[in-house]
Amino acid sequence: MSYKKANDVLPHFLLNAVQAYIDGECIYIPRKADNKLPWGTNTETRKDIQARNREIVARRLAGCSVKGLAEHYCLSEKTIYKIINSFKNS
């Protein structure tokens, strides 16, 4: 997320109105609900996690223990079970 100067993007009357509430402080203006993007849209993180999860399921099917997988991927055993179950249900 980048910052923009309010002087450059807001009309003078609106800037004055905002300054009446918060003068010289940082303010976050959220996106409109219609413009929100799903998590991971702008990065490769979603794809990386999906690949990791497929690898976990494949290694489990190959005989690796849940405890071993949890240690290898630095996840809890409960998370490993959730990943395995999500592939069973899809």
N, C-alpha and C. Protein backbone atom coordinates (compact mmCIF):
# COMPACT_ATOMS: atom_id res chain seq x y z
N MET A 1 0.85 -1.16 0.00
CA MET A 1 0.00 0.00 0.00
C MET A 1 0.90 1.23 0.00
N SER A 2 0.60 2.15 -0.86
CA SER A 2 1.38 3.38 -0.92
C SER A 2 0.56 4.54 -0.37
N TYR A 3 1.28 5.54 0.09
CA TYR A 3 0.61 6.72 0.62
C TYR A 3 0.54 7.79 -0.45
N LYS A 4 -0.51 8.56 -0.40
CA LYS A 4 -0.68 9.69 -1.30
C LYS A 4 -0.92 10.92 -0.44
N LYS A 5 -0.45 12.06 -0.91
CA LYS A 5 -0.67 13.30 -0.18
C LYS A 5 -2.10 13.76 -0.40
N ALA A 6 -2.77 14.02 0.69
CA ALA A 6 -4.16 14.47 0.61
C ALA A 6 -4.28 15.74 -0.21
N ASN A 7 -3.26 16.61 -0.13
CA ASN A 7 -3.27 17.85 -0.91
C ASN A 7 -3.36 17.57 -2.40
N ASP A 8 -2.79 16.44 -2.82
CA ASP A 8 -2.73 16.10 -4.25
C ASP A 8 -3.99 15.40 -4.75
N VAL A 9 -4.76 14.79 -3.86
CA VAL A 9 -5.88 13.97 -4.35
C VAL A 9 -7.26 14.43 -3.89
N LEU A 10 -7.32 15.25 -2.84
CA LEU A 10 -8.63 15.68 -2.34
C LEU A 10 -8.90 17.12 -2.69
N PRO A 11 -10.16 17.44 -2.99
CA PRO A 11 -10.50 18.85 -3.19
C PRO A 11 -10.30 19.62 -1.88
N HIS A 12 -10.01 20.91 -2.00
CA HIS A 12 -9.67 21.74 -0.85
C HIS A 12 -10.76 21.69 0.23
N PHE A 13 -12.03 21.76 -0.16
CA PHE A 13 -13.12 21.76 0.84
C PHE A 13 -13.16 20.44 1.61
N LEU A 14 -12.88 19.34 0.93
CA LEU A 14 -12.90 18.04 1.59
C LEU A 14 -11.69 17.88 2.51
N LEU A 15 -10.54 18.34 2.07
CA LEU A 15 -9.35 18.30 2.91
C LEU A 15 -9.57 19.09 4.20
N ASN A 16 -10.20 20.26 4.09
CA ASN A 16 -10.50 21.06 5.29
C ASN A 16 -11.45 20.31 6.22
N ALA A 17 -12.43 19.62 5.66
CA ALA A 17 -13.38 18.87 6.48
C ALA A 17 -12.67 17.73 7.21
N VAL A 18 -11.79 17.02 6.53
CA VAL A 18 -11.05 15.93 7.16
C VAL A 18 -10.13 16.47 8.25
N GLN A 19 -9.49 17.60 7.98
CA GLN A 19 -8.59 18.21 8.96
C GLN A 19 -9.33 18.64 10.22
N ALA A 20 -10.62 18.90 10.11
CA ALA A 20 -11.40 19.26 11.29
C ALA A 20 -11.49 18.08 12.27
N TYR A 21 -11.39 16.85 11.74
CA TYR A 21 -11.48 15.65 12.58
C TYR A 21 -10.12 15.09 12.94
N ILE A 22 -9.21 15.12 12.01
CA ILE A 22 -7.90 14.51 12.23
C ILE A 22 -6.86 15.36 11.50
N ASP A 23 -6.15 16.16 12.24
CA ASP A 23 -5.22 17.13 11.66
C ASP A 23 -3.79 16.63 11.80
N GLY A 24 -3.15 16.34 10.67
CA GLY A 24 -1.75 15.94 10.67
C GLY A 24 -1.50 14.51 11.07
N GLU A 25 -2.50 13.69 11.18
CA GLU A 25 -2.36 12.28 11.54
C GLU A 25 -2.56 11.41 10.30
N CYS A 26 -2.14 10.16 10.41
CA CYS A 26 -2.38 9.20 9.32
C CYS A 26 -3.78 8.64 9.45
N ILE A 27 -4.40 8.41 8.32
CA ILE A 27 -5.75 7.84 8.31
C ILE A 27 -5.81 6.80 7.19
N TYR A 28 -6.45 5.69 7.48
CA TYR A 28 -6.62 4.63 6.48
C TYR A 28 -8.03 4.75 5.93
N ILE A 29 -8.14 4.78 4.62
CA ILE A 29 -9.45 4.82 3.97
C ILE A 29 -9.63 3.48 3.27
N PRO A 30 -10.55 2.64 3.77
CA PRO A 30 -10.70 1.30 3.19
C PRO A 30 -11.33 1.35 1.80
N ARG A 31 -11.12 0.28 1.08
CA ARG A 31 -11.74 0.15 -0.25
C ARG A 31 -13.24 -0.01 -0.11
N LYS A 32 -13.94 0.36 -1.15
CA LYS A 32 -15.38 0.08 -1.20
C LYS A 32 -15.55 -1.43 -1.29
N ALA A 33 -16.64 -1.92 -0.77
CA ALA A 33 -16.89 -3.37 -0.76
C ALA A 33 -16.84 -3.95 -2.17
N ASP A 34 -17.32 -3.20 -3.15
CA ASP A 34 -17.34 -3.67 -4.53
C ASP A 34 -15.94 -3.81 -5.13
N ASN A 35 -14.97 -3.09 -4.58
CA ASN A 35 -13.62 -3.08 -5.14
C ASN A 35 -12.64 -3.99 -4.41
N LYS A 36 -13.11 -4.69 -3.38
CA LYS A 36 -12.21 -5.55 -2.61
C LYS A 36 -11.79 -6.75 -3.44
N LEU A 37 -10.53 -7.11 -3.29
CA LEU A 37 -9.97 -8.26 -3.99
C LEU A 37 -9.84 -9.43 -3.03
N PRO A 38 -9.97 -10.64 -3.52
CA PRO A 38 -9.76 -11.80 -2.64
C PRO A 38 -8.33 -11.85 -2.14
N TRP A 39 -8.14 -12.47 -0.97
CA TRP A 39 -6.83 -12.59 -0.38
C TRP A 39 -5.88 -13.29 -1.34
N GLY A 40 -4.67 -12.76 -1.47
CA GLY A 40 -3.64 -13.39 -2.28
C GLY A 40 -3.70 -13.08 -3.75
N THR A 41 -4.57 -12.18 -4.16
CA THR A 41 -4.72 -11.86 -5.57
C THR A 41 -3.49 -11.18 -6.14
N ASN A 42 -2.86 -10.33 -5.38
CA ASN A 42 -1.73 -9.55 -5.88
C ASN A 42 -0.37 -10.21 -5.67
N THR A 43 -0.33 -11.38 -5.07
CA THR A 43 0.94 -12.05 -4.80
C THR A 43 0.84 -13.52 -5.21
N GLU A 44 1.93 -14.20 -5.10
CA GLU A 44 1.97 -15.64 -5.41
C GLU A 44 1.71 -16.49 -4.17
N THR A 45 1.42 -15.87 -3.04
CA THR A 45 1.28 -16.59 -1.78
C THR A 45 0.20 -17.66 -1.86
N ARG A 46 -0.93 -17.33 -2.42
CA ARG A 46 -2.03 -18.30 -2.51
C ARG A 46 -1.59 -19.54 -3.29
N LYS A 47 -0.91 -19.34 -4.42
CA LYS A 47 -0.44 -20.47 -5.23
C LYS A 47 0.61 -21.27 -4.47
N ASP A 48 1.50 -20.57 -3.76
CA ASP A 48 2.53 -21.26 -2.99
C ASP A 48 1.93 -22.15 -1.90
N ILE A 49 0.93 -21.65 -1.22
CA ILE A 49 0.29 -22.43 -0.15
C ILE A 49 -0.47 -23.62 -0.74
N GLN A 50 -1.13 -23.42 -1.87
CA GLN A 50 -1.83 -24.53 -2.51
C GLN A 50 -0.85 -25.62 -2.94
N ALA A 51 0.30 -25.21 -3.48
CA ALA A 51 1.33 -26.19 -3.88
C ALA A 51 1.86 -26.93 -2.66
N ARG A 52 2.11 -26.19 -1.57
CA ARG A 52 2.58 -26.82 -0.34
C ARG A 52 1.57 -27.83 0.17
N ASN A 53 0.28 -27.47 0.15
CA ASN A 53 -0.77 -28.37 0.64
C ASN A 53 -0.88 -29.62 -0.22
N ARG A 54 -0.76 -29.48 -1.54
CA ARG A 54 -0.77 -30.66 -2.42
C ARG A 54 0.41 -31.58 -2.10
N GLU A 55 1.56 -30.97 -1.82
CA GLU A 55 2.74 -31.74 -1.46
C GLU A 55 2.54 -32.48 -0.14
N ILE A 56 1.91 -31.82 0.82
CA ILE A 56 1.63 -32.45 2.11
C ILE A 56 0.74 -33.67 1.92
N VAL A 57 -0.32 -33.51 1.13
CA VAL A 57 -1.25 -34.62 0.90
C VAL A 57 -0.54 -35.76 0.17
N ALA A 58 0.27 -35.43 -0.81
CA ALA A 58 1.00 -36.47 -1.55
C ALA A 58 1.96 -37.22 -0.64
N ARG A 59 2.66 -36.51 0.22
CA ARG A 59 3.60 -37.16 1.14
C ARG A 59 2.86 -38.01 2.16
N ARG A 60 1.68 -37.56 2.58
CA ARG A 60 0.88 -38.36 3.53
C ARG A 60 0.42 -39.64 2.86
N LEU A 61 -0.03 -39.54 1.61
CA LEU A 61 -0.46 -40.73 0.88
C LEU A 61 0.71 -41.69 0.63
N ALA A 62 1.91 -41.14 0.58
CA ALA A 62 3.11 -41.96 0.39
C ALA A 62 3.58 -42.60 1.69
N GLY A 63 2.91 -42.27 2.80
CA GLY A 63 3.22 -42.94 4.05
C GLY A 63 3.88 -42.10 5.13
N CYS A 64 4.11 -40.84 4.88
CA CYS A 64 4.70 -39.99 5.92
C CYS A 64 3.72 -39.82 7.07
N SER A 65 4.25 -39.74 8.28
CA SER A 65 3.39 -39.56 9.45
C SER A 65 2.95 -38.11 9.55
N VAL A 66 1.81 -37.91 10.21
CA VAL A 66 1.31 -36.56 10.43
C VAL A 66 2.29 -35.78 11.28
N LYS A 67 2.84 -36.43 12.28
CA LYS A 67 3.80 -35.77 13.16
C LYS A 67 5.04 -35.33 12.37
N GLY A 68 5.52 -36.20 11.50
CA GLY A 68 6.68 -35.87 10.67
C GLY A 68 6.40 -34.72 9.72
N LEU A 69 5.20 -34.73 9.13
CA LEU A 69 4.82 -33.64 8.23
C LEU A 69 4.72 -32.31 9.00
N ALA A 70 4.15 -32.37 10.19
CA ALA A 70 4.00 -31.17 11.01
C ALA A 70 5.37 -30.58 11.33
N GLU A 71 6.31 -31.43 11.67
CA GLU A 71 7.65 -30.95 11.99
C GLU A 71 8.35 -30.40 10.75
N HIS A 72 8.21 -31.08 9.63
CA HIS A 72 8.88 -30.66 8.40
C HIS A 72 8.36 -29.31 7.90
N TYR A 73 7.06 -29.09 7.97
CA TYR A 73 6.45 -27.86 7.45
C TYR A 73 6.21 -26.80 8.53
N CYS A 74 6.66 -27.09 9.76
CA CYS A 74 6.49 -26.15 10.88
C CYS A 74 5.02 -25.78 11.07
N LEU A 75 4.17 -26.79 11.03
CA LEU A 75 2.74 -26.61 11.24
C LEU A 75 2.32 -27.53 12.39
N SER A 76 1.15 -27.27 12.94
CA SER A 76 0.64 -28.16 13.98
C SER A 76 0.06 -29.41 13.32
N GLU A 77 -0.03 -30.47 14.10
CA GLU A 77 -0.65 -31.69 13.59
C GLU A 77 -2.10 -31.43 13.21
N LYS A 78 -2.78 -30.59 13.99
CA LYS A 78 -4.17 -30.25 13.69
C LYS A 78 -4.28 -29.58 12.31
N THR A 79 -3.33 -28.71 11.99
CA THR A 79 -3.35 -28.06 10.68
C THR A 79 -3.10 -29.06 9.56
N ILE A 80 -2.21 -30.00 9.79
CA ILE A 80 -1.96 -31.04 8.78
C ILE A 80 -3.24 -31.82 8.52
N TYR A 81 -3.94 -32.21 9.59
CA TYR A 81 -5.21 -32.92 9.43
C TYR A 81 -6.23 -32.08 8.65
N LYS A 82 -6.29 -30.78 8.93
CA LYS A 82 -7.22 -29.90 8.21
C LYS A 82 -6.90 -29.87 6.72
N ILE A 83 -5.60 -29.79 6.40
CA ILE A 83 -5.19 -29.77 4.99
C ILE A 83 -5.57 -31.07 4.31
N ILE A 84 -5.30 -32.19 4.95
CA ILE A 84 -5.63 -33.50 4.38
C ILE A 84 -7.14 -33.63 4.18
N ASN A 85 -7.91 -33.23 5.18
CA ASN A 85 -9.36 -33.33 5.09
C ASN A 85 -9.93 -32.40 4.03
N SER A 86 -9.32 -31.25 3.81
CA SER A 86 -9.83 -30.34 2.78
C SER A 86 -9.68 -30.95 1.39
N PHE A 87 -8.63 -31.77 1.19
CA PHE A 87 -8.46 -32.42 -0.10
C PHE A 87 -9.42 -33.60 -0.25
N LYS A 88 -9.78 -34.24 0.84
CA LYS A 88 -10.75 -35.33 0.79
C LYS A 88 -12.13 -34.81 0.40
N ASN A 89 -12.45 -33.60 0.90
CA ASN A 89 -13.78 -33.03 0.67
C ASN A 89 -13.91 -32.28 -0.65
N SER A 90 -12.81 -32.14 -1.38
CA SER A 90 -12.91 -31.39 -2.64
C SER A 90 -12.87 -32.28 -3.85
